[in-house]
Protein backbone atom coordinates (compact mmCIF):
# COMPACT_ATOMS: atom_id res chain seq x y z
CA ILE A 1 -37.88 42.58 73.80
CA ARG A 2 -36.40 40.23 71.06
CA ASN A 3 -33.98 38.22 71.77
CA PHE A 4 -30.49 38.93 69.63
CA LYS A 5 -27.17 36.82 69.41
CA ILE A 6 -23.85 38.44 68.26
CA LEU A 7 -22.13 36.18 65.88
CA ASN A 8 -18.09 36.12 66.43
CA PHE A 9 -16.11 35.54 63.33
CA GLY A 10 -15.58 31.98 63.66
CA GLU A 11 -19.32 31.54 63.57
CA MET A 12 -20.16 33.84 60.48
CA ALA A 13 -17.44 32.44 58.02
CA PHE A 14 -19.40 28.85 59.23
CA VAL A 15 -23.03 30.68 58.10
CA HIS A 16 -20.98 31.90 54.55
CA LEU A 17 -19.70 28.56 53.96
CA ASP A 18 -22.98 26.78 54.74
CA ILE A 19 -24.73 29.32 52.33
CA ARG A 20 -22.02 28.45 49.64
CA CYS A 21 -22.56 24.87 49.61
CA LEU A 22 -26.22 25.19 49.34
CA TYR A 23 -25.97 27.60 46.64
CA THR A 24 -23.86 25.06 44.77
CA LEU A 25 -25.89 22.26 45.33
CA LEU A 26 -29.00 24.07 44.09
CA ILE A 27 -27.04 25.12 40.66
CA CYS A 28 -25.96 21.43 40.30
CA THR A 29 -29.49 20.13 40.93
CA ALA A 30 -30.89 22.93 38.30
CA PHE A 31 -28.36 21.99 35.77
CA GLY A 32 -27.64 17.85 36.26
CA SER A 33 -24.58 16.75 34.68
CA THR A 34 -22.84 20.07 34.35
CA LEU A 35 -19.08 20.95 34.96
CA CYS A 36 -19.95 20.16 39.10
CA SER A 37 -19.78 16.40 37.73
CA ASN A 38 -17.37 16.76 34.91
CA ALA A 39 -14.66 17.96 37.88
CA GLU A 40 -15.29 14.16 39.20
CA ILE A 41 -14.85 12.38 36.09
CA LYS A 42 -11.88 10.10 35.68
CA VAL A 43 -10.84 7.61 33.11
CA ASN A 44 -8.44 5.23 33.13
CA PRO A 45 -5.39 4.55 30.47
CA PRO A 46 -5.67 1.82 28.35
CA GLN A 47 -4.55 -1.53 29.51
CA ASP A 48 -1.82 -4.16 28.30
CA PHE A 49 0.06 -1.32 25.91
CA GLU A 50 3.28 -3.29 24.47
CA ILE A 51 5.24 -2.74 20.98
CA VAL A 52 4.97 -6.33 19.34
CA ASP A 53 7.47 -7.06 16.41
CA PRO A 54 5.47 -9.68 13.92
CA GLY A 55 9.11 -10.27 11.98
CA TYR A 56 8.68 -7.68 9.58
CA LEU A 57 11.82 -6.12 9.91
CA GLY A 58 10.65 -2.69 11.32
CA TYR A 59 6.79 -2.68 10.65
CA LEU A 60 5.72 -3.04 13.95
CA CYS A 61 2.50 -3.30 15.61
CA LEU A 62 1.51 -1.17 18.70
CA GLN A 63 -1.21 -2.57 20.66
CA TRP A 64 -3.57 -2.06 23.95
CA GLN A 65 -6.83 -2.94 25.57
CA PRO A 66 -9.76 -0.94 26.95
CA PRO A 67 -9.32 0.91 30.30
CA LEU A 68 -11.23 -0.43 33.30
CA SER A 69 -14.42 0.70 34.35
CA LEU A 70 -15.93 1.96 30.88
CA ASP A 71 -19.48 0.58 32.44
CA ASN A 72 -20.45 4.40 33.61
CA PHE A 73 -19.22 5.88 30.11
CA LYS A 74 -21.63 4.16 27.81
CA GLU A 75 -23.07 7.48 26.64
CA CYS A 76 -19.55 8.58 25.94
CA THR A 77 -16.93 8.67 22.69
CA ILE A 78 -14.16 6.63 23.66
CA GLU A 79 -11.04 7.39 21.96
CA TYR A 80 -7.18 6.89 22.37
CA GLU A 81 -4.30 9.16 21.66
CA LEU A 82 -1.27 7.35 20.47
CA LYS A 83 2.18 9.43 20.19
CA TYR A 84 5.22 7.55 18.95
CA ARG A 85 8.96 7.82 17.48
CA ASN A 86 12.39 6.39 17.04
CA ILE A 87 14.35 6.87 20.50
CA ASP A 88 16.52 10.46 19.61
CA SER A 89 14.09 11.61 16.88
CA GLU A 90 12.85 15.38 17.69
CA SER A 91 9.26 14.78 17.19
CA TRP A 92 6.17 12.51 17.92
CA LYS A 93 4.15 11.14 15.33
CA THR A 94 0.45 11.52 16.69
CA ILE A 95 -2.52 9.23 16.01
CA ILE A 96 -6.08 9.40 17.32
CA THR A 97 -8.26 6.38 16.71
CA LYS A 98 -11.00 4.04 18.15
CA ASN A 99 -9.01 0.87 17.57
CA LEU A 100 -7.10 -0.88 19.74
CA TYR A 101 -3.87 -1.29 17.70
CA TYR A 102 -2.09 0.48 15.41
CA LYS A 103 0.77 -0.44 12.80
CA ASP A 104 3.85 1.65 11.33
CA GLY A 105 7.35 1.52 10.29
CA PHE A 106 10.33 2.12 12.29
CA ASP A 107 14.16 2.18 12.16
CA LEU A 108 15.30 -0.74 14.15
CA ASN A 109 18.76 0.39 14.31
CA LYS A 110 17.20 2.28 17.10
CA GLY A 111 14.99 2.05 19.84
CA VAL A 112 11.16 2.48 19.64
CA GLU A 113 9.27 4.54 22.11
CA ALA A 114 5.41 5.12 22.23
CA LYS A 115 2.84 6.47 24.83
CA ILE A 116 -1.04 6.70 24.95
CA HIS A 117 -3.93 7.78 26.71
CA THR A 118 -7.86 7.65 26.69
CA LEU A 119 -9.71 10.37 25.43
CA LEU A 120 -13.59 10.98 26.69
CA THR A 121 -16.03 13.20 25.15
CA GLY A 122 -19.61 13.12 24.58
CA GLN A 123 -22.88 13.37 26.61
CA CYS A 124 -21.71 12.10 29.80
CA THR A 125 -19.20 15.11 29.83
CA ASN A 126 -21.17 17.61 28.57
CA GLY A 127 -18.79 18.20 25.31
CA SER A 128 -15.68 18.52 27.19
CA GLU A 129 -12.88 16.19 27.01
CA VAL A 130 -11.50 14.11 29.72
CA GLN A 131 -8.26 12.62 29.48
CA SER A 132 -6.46 9.66 31.11
CA SER A 133 -2.86 9.56 32.39
CA TRP A 134 -0.19 7.90 29.92
CA SER A 135 0.31 4.29 29.52
CA GLU A 136 4.20 3.88 27.85
CA ALA A 137 5.91 1.20 25.88
CA THR A 138 9.53 0.86 24.40
CA TYR A 139 10.98 -1.90 22.18
CA TRP A 140 14.51 -2.29 21.35
CA THR A 141 15.78 -5.31 19.27
CA SER A 142 18.32 -7.48 20.94
CA THR A 143 21.50 -6.12 20.56
CA GLN A 144 24.44 -8.23 19.87
CA GLY A 145 28.26 -7.81 18.64
CA ASN A 146 30.01 -4.85 18.27
CA LEU A 147 29.05 -1.82 16.15
CA GLU A 148 31.91 -1.84 13.79
CA THR A 149 30.79 -5.41 12.90
CA LYS A 150 27.56 -3.90 11.11
CA ILE A 151 28.01 -3.86 7.01
CA GLN A 152 29.27 -0.41 5.66
CA ASP A 153 28.18 1.52 2.57
CA MET A 154 25.39 -0.06 1.84
CA ASP A 155 23.99 0.84 -1.61
CA CYS A 156 20.69 -0.24 -3.32
CA VAL A 157 19.43 0.96 -6.76
CA TYR A 158 16.27 -0.14 -8.98
CA TYR A 159 17.27 0.06 -12.39
CA ASN A 160 15.13 1.25 -14.52
CA TRP A 161 12.33 0.42 -12.48
CA GLN A 162 12.60 -3.06 -12.91
CA TYR A 163 15.41 -4.84 -11.18
CA LEU A 164 16.59 -3.90 -7.53
CA LEU A 165 20.13 -4.90 -6.62
CA CYS A 166 22.04 -4.01 -3.34
CA SER A 167 25.50 -4.11 -2.27
CA TRP A 168 27.60 -3.49 0.87
CA LYS A 169 31.14 -3.72 2.17
CA PRO A 170 31.85 -5.85 5.32
CA GLY A 171 32.24 -4.61 9.01
CA MET A 172 35.50 -3.49 10.33
CA GLY A 173 37.59 -5.87 11.82
CA VAL A 174 35.43 -8.63 11.05
CA HIS A 175 36.97 -12.17 11.49
CA PHE A 176 37.79 -14.16 8.02
CA ASP A 177 34.65 -16.61 8.73
CA THR A 178 32.04 -13.81 8.82
CA ASN A 179 29.30 -13.91 6.10
CA TYR A 180 26.10 -11.74 5.73
CA SER A 181 22.57 -12.63 4.70
CA LEU A 182 20.03 -10.28 3.71
CA PHE A 183 16.31 -10.36 4.30
CA TYR A 184 13.53 -8.20 2.94
CA TRP A 185 9.89 -7.77 3.36
CA TYR A 186 7.18 -5.25 2.03
CA GLU A 187 3.23 -5.15 2.67
CA GLY A 188 1.83 -8.14 0.62
CA LEU A 189 4.13 -10.53 1.49
CA ASP A 190 3.51 -13.22 3.91
CA HIS A 191 6.69 -13.31 5.84
CA ALA A 192 10.53 -11.70 5.15
CA VAL A 193 12.21 -13.61 2.57
CA GLN A 194 15.89 -13.94 2.30
CA CYS A 195 17.93 -13.31 -0.57
CA ALA A 196 17.89 -16.35 -3.13
CA ASP A 197 20.77 -14.42 -5.47
CA TYR A 198 23.52 -13.29 -3.69
CA ILE A 199 26.94 -11.12 -5.35
CA LYS A 200 29.79 -12.83 -4.06
CA ALA A 201 33.37 -11.97 -3.50
CA ASN A 202 36.08 -14.65 -2.23
CA GLY A 203 33.39 -16.77 -1.44
CA LYS A 204 31.31 -14.15 0.81
CA ASN A 205 28.32 -12.12 0.13
CA ILE A 206 28.73 -8.44 -1.01
CA GLY A 207 25.13 -7.94 -2.37
CA CYS A 208 22.13 -9.24 -3.50
CA ARG A 209 20.54 -9.59 -6.89
CA PHE A 210 16.37 -9.22 -6.16
CA PRO A 211 13.50 -11.09 -7.92
CA TYR A 212 10.86 -9.52 -10.02
CA LEU A 213 9.00 -7.59 -7.14
CA GLU A 214 5.24 -7.74 -7.59
CA SER A 215 3.04 -4.69 -6.49
CA SER A 216 6.02 -3.64 -4.36
CA ASP A 217 6.07 0.49 -5.30
CA TYR A 218 4.69 3.21 -3.45
CA LYS A 219 5.14 1.46 -0.08
CA ASP A 220 7.74 1.01 2.48
CA PHE A 221 10.57 -1.53 1.68
CA TYR A 222 11.92 -3.35 4.52
CA ILE A 223 15.94 -4.65 4.65
CA CYS A 224 17.80 -6.51 7.22
CA VAL A 225 21.73 -7.63 6.73
CA ASN A 226 22.61 -9.59 9.56
CA GLY A 227 25.89 -11.77 10.13
CA SER A 228 27.10 -15.17 11.31
CA SER A 229 30.62 -15.91 12.71
CA GLU A 230 31.82 -18.66 14.92
CA SER A 231 34.28 -16.41 16.56
CA GLN A 232 32.15 -13.13 17.44
CA ALA A 233 28.65 -11.65 17.40
CA ILE A 234 27.65 -9.80 14.29
CA THR A 235 25.33 -6.66 14.55
CA PRO A 236 22.53 -6.48 12.02
CA SER A 237 21.72 -3.43 9.74
CA TYR A 238 18.21 -2.29 9.14
CA PHE A 239 17.25 -0.20 6.52
CA ILE A 240 13.74 1.12 5.08
CA PHE A 241 12.92 2.96 1.55
CA GLN A 242 10.39 2.96 -1.28
CA LEU A 243 11.50 1.82 -4.76
CA GLN A 244 10.45 4.57 -6.46
CA ASN A 245 12.58 6.84 -5.04
CA ILE A 246 15.94 5.12 -6.02
CA VAL A 247 15.10 4.27 -9.62
CA LYS A 248 18.18 4.80 -12.34
CA PRO A 249 16.47 4.79 -15.67
CA LEU A 250 18.81 3.85 -18.91
CA PRO A 251 20.08 7.04 -20.68
CA PRO A 252 18.20 8.39 -23.76
CA ASP A 253 19.49 7.78 -26.99
CA ASP A 254 18.96 8.64 -30.76
CA LEU A 255 20.29 12.37 -30.08
CA SER A 256 19.85 14.63 -32.85
CA PHE A 257 19.74 18.13 -33.74
CA SER A 258 18.75 20.80 -36.48
CA VAL A 259 19.71 24.33 -37.22
CA LYS A 260 16.75 26.71 -37.59
CA ASN A 261 19.25 29.42 -38.28
CA SER A 262 22.56 30.94 -37.65
CA LYS A 263 22.11 30.62 -33.84
CA GLU A 264 18.84 28.74 -33.28
CA ILE A 265 19.31 24.91 -32.61
CA ASN A 266 16.40 22.17 -31.47
CA LEU A 267 18.15 19.39 -29.96
CA LYS A 268 15.81 16.22 -29.69
CA TRP A 269 16.32 12.60 -28.26
CA SER A 270 14.48 9.29 -27.64
CA ILE A 271 12.56 8.43 -24.32
CA PRO A 272 14.74 6.02 -22.54
CA ARG A 273 13.43 2.52 -23.20
CA GLY A 274 11.67 0.27 -20.49
CA PRO A 275 8.64 0.75 -18.11
CA ILE A 276 8.92 4.42 -16.98
CA PRO A 277 5.94 6.24 -18.63
CA ALA A 278 7.32 9.60 -20.47
CA LYS A 279 5.44 12.01 -18.13
CA CYS A 280 7.84 10.71 -15.17
CA PHE A 281 11.23 11.74 -16.91
CA ILE A 282 13.21 15.01 -16.31
CA TYR A 283 16.48 15.47 -18.35
CA GLU A 284 19.40 17.08 -17.72
CA ILE A 285 21.48 18.22 -20.92
CA GLU A 286 24.87 19.54 -20.93
CA PHE A 287 26.02 21.77 -23.55
CA LYS A 288 29.69 22.43 -24.63
CA GLU A 289 30.21 25.21 -27.12
CA ASP A 290 34.06 25.35 -27.74
CA ASP A 291 35.75 26.28 -24.42
CA THR A 292 31.94 27.40 -22.64
CA ALA A 293 29.83 24.68 -20.83
CA TRP A 294 26.31 25.19 -19.11
CA VAL A 295 23.55 23.09 -18.14
CA THR A 296 19.98 23.12 -18.13
CA THR A 297 16.76 20.92 -17.27
CA THR A 298 13.77 19.91 -19.14
CA ILE A 299 10.66 17.63 -18.93
CA GLU A 300 10.42 17.49 -22.71
CA ASN A 301 12.29 15.21 -24.93
CA GLU A 302 13.55 18.05 -26.76
CA ILE A 303 14.95 21.47 -26.20
CA TYR A 304 15.47 24.85 -28.28
CA PHE A 305 18.15 26.91 -27.33
CA THR A 306 20.75 29.66 -29.07
CA ARG A 307 24.30 29.71 -29.60
CA THR A 308 26.40 32.11 -28.23
CA SER A 309 28.57 33.02 -31.27
CA ASN A 310 28.33 32.18 -35.34
CA GLU A 311 31.89 31.35 -35.19
CA SER A 312 31.98 28.51 -32.63
CA HIS A 313 34.27 25.49 -34.11
CA ARG A 314 32.85 23.05 -32.04
CA LEU A 315 29.45 22.18 -30.34
CA CYS A 316 28.87 19.12 -28.17
CA PHE A 317 25.86 17.75 -26.47
CA LEU A 318 25.31 15.20 -23.48
CA VAL A 319 21.52 14.21 -22.15
CA ARG A 320 20.78 12.04 -19.02
CA SER A 321 17.81 10.95 -17.28
CA LYS A 322 15.82 10.98 -13.85
CA VAL A 323 12.56 10.07 -12.56
CA ASN A 324 10.87 13.56 -11.59
CA ILE A 325 8.87 14.73 -8.52
CA TYR A 326 5.27 13.90 -10.25
CA CYS A 327 5.89 10.08 -10.05
CA SER A 328 8.91 10.08 -6.93
CA ASP A 329 10.32 11.98 -4.12
CA ASP A 330 13.86 11.10 -5.22
CA GLY A 331 15.72 9.06 -7.94
CA ILE A 332 19.37 8.62 -9.27
CA TRP A 333 20.58 9.84 -12.40
CA SER A 334 21.26 8.03 -15.22
CA GLU A 335 24.37 7.81 -16.83
CA TRP A 336 24.98 10.10 -19.61
CA GLY A 337 24.11 9.43 -23.11
CA ASP A 338 26.58 9.31 -26.16
CA GLU A 339 28.21 12.64 -26.72
CA GLN A 340 27.17 14.10 -29.85
CA CYS A 341 29.65 16.84 -31.35
CA TRP A 342 29.64 18.96 -34.30
CA LYS A 343 32.80 20.64 -35.59
CA GLY A 344 34.42 23.00 -37.86
CA MET A 345 31.63 24.11 -40.75
CA ARG A 346 29.50 21.31 -40.38
CA LEU A 347 26.86 23.56 -38.49
CA LYS A 348 27.06 26.04 -41.46
CA GLN A 349 26.91 23.40 -44.32
CA GLN A 350 24.10 21.19 -42.82
CA GLN A 351 22.01 24.75 -42.50
CA GLN A 352 22.83 25.59 -46.07
CA GLN A 353 21.92 22.08 -47.05
CA LYS A 354 18.25 22.46 -45.61
CA LYS A 355 17.72 26.06 -47.51
CA THR A 356 18.97 24.20 -51.00
CA PRO A 357 15.83 22.25 -52.43
CA LYS A 358 16.72 19.00 -54.05
CA THR A 359 16.97 19.19 -57.75
CA SER A 360 15.89 15.43 -59.77
CA ASP A 361 18.71 14.53 -62.40
């Protein structure tokens, strides 16, 4: 009679576990680097992550070094996912890059925060993605002075896409000896530049007339206005904008009209003078017919419209211009051009004169 052994519950569990381990070993051996090995892959986060201020008034460099122990991942693609924002912003900007740095503009009136981690993909992970933990960094400009010492009502206008002028008011409660200085930078300049032509009131700087700004359009323009006083610290103010978005063109001129019949009128004007291309304008026209007024817009430098009544005694036009959405994201309306009015019977007389042929003497 053969010997039989009855296994107790604990021994049965051990045999079952042993069979599972053997099964897992066979699967891993058969398929090589599969999910079995992927579960063990770990990668370190980037080293020495920091936010560096090169002195460009808000254009910062986020930089890092490769993670430790990359020798085992030579067959992998190594990338970095970077997230950054101004502190208190609702959303992060996200960049995926193979580089060891990234540059962008920030509002230095607020702090900056960023985080980065390593991404592994490729043969060594069988196409799945392995992520490291996050490395984090923050940056603040040195705080000094009470917030009320910052300038007020900063206003910058790029007149006719040619001349930039900025003006401001002194901070509240600053001492009499306080004076402000403006610095600016945009990509293409070697360093931040101080204003060379200040607008002054009572011997204090309240604005800046900028020189010709070569190749400055369609890129971020950075400004810092800080101050000095022997009796108190002054908090600096930072601004970022693009010049094409603050253009104030000249108003149209040479406004003229012609009457085609008793009601239809053709209104024309000249394109504003200066370097702004004709395709970049939008116009706003204000009509006044007796006691009625209305406004419309057009991208052409002429418009047809119909009078509300043949009996109107007074008809007036005003036109102003602005850079349109095809050339900028925003803009400033020009001043209104000279108002042109026609009164009484002049409309009918002009219409009749156009219909009456000239006779030679």
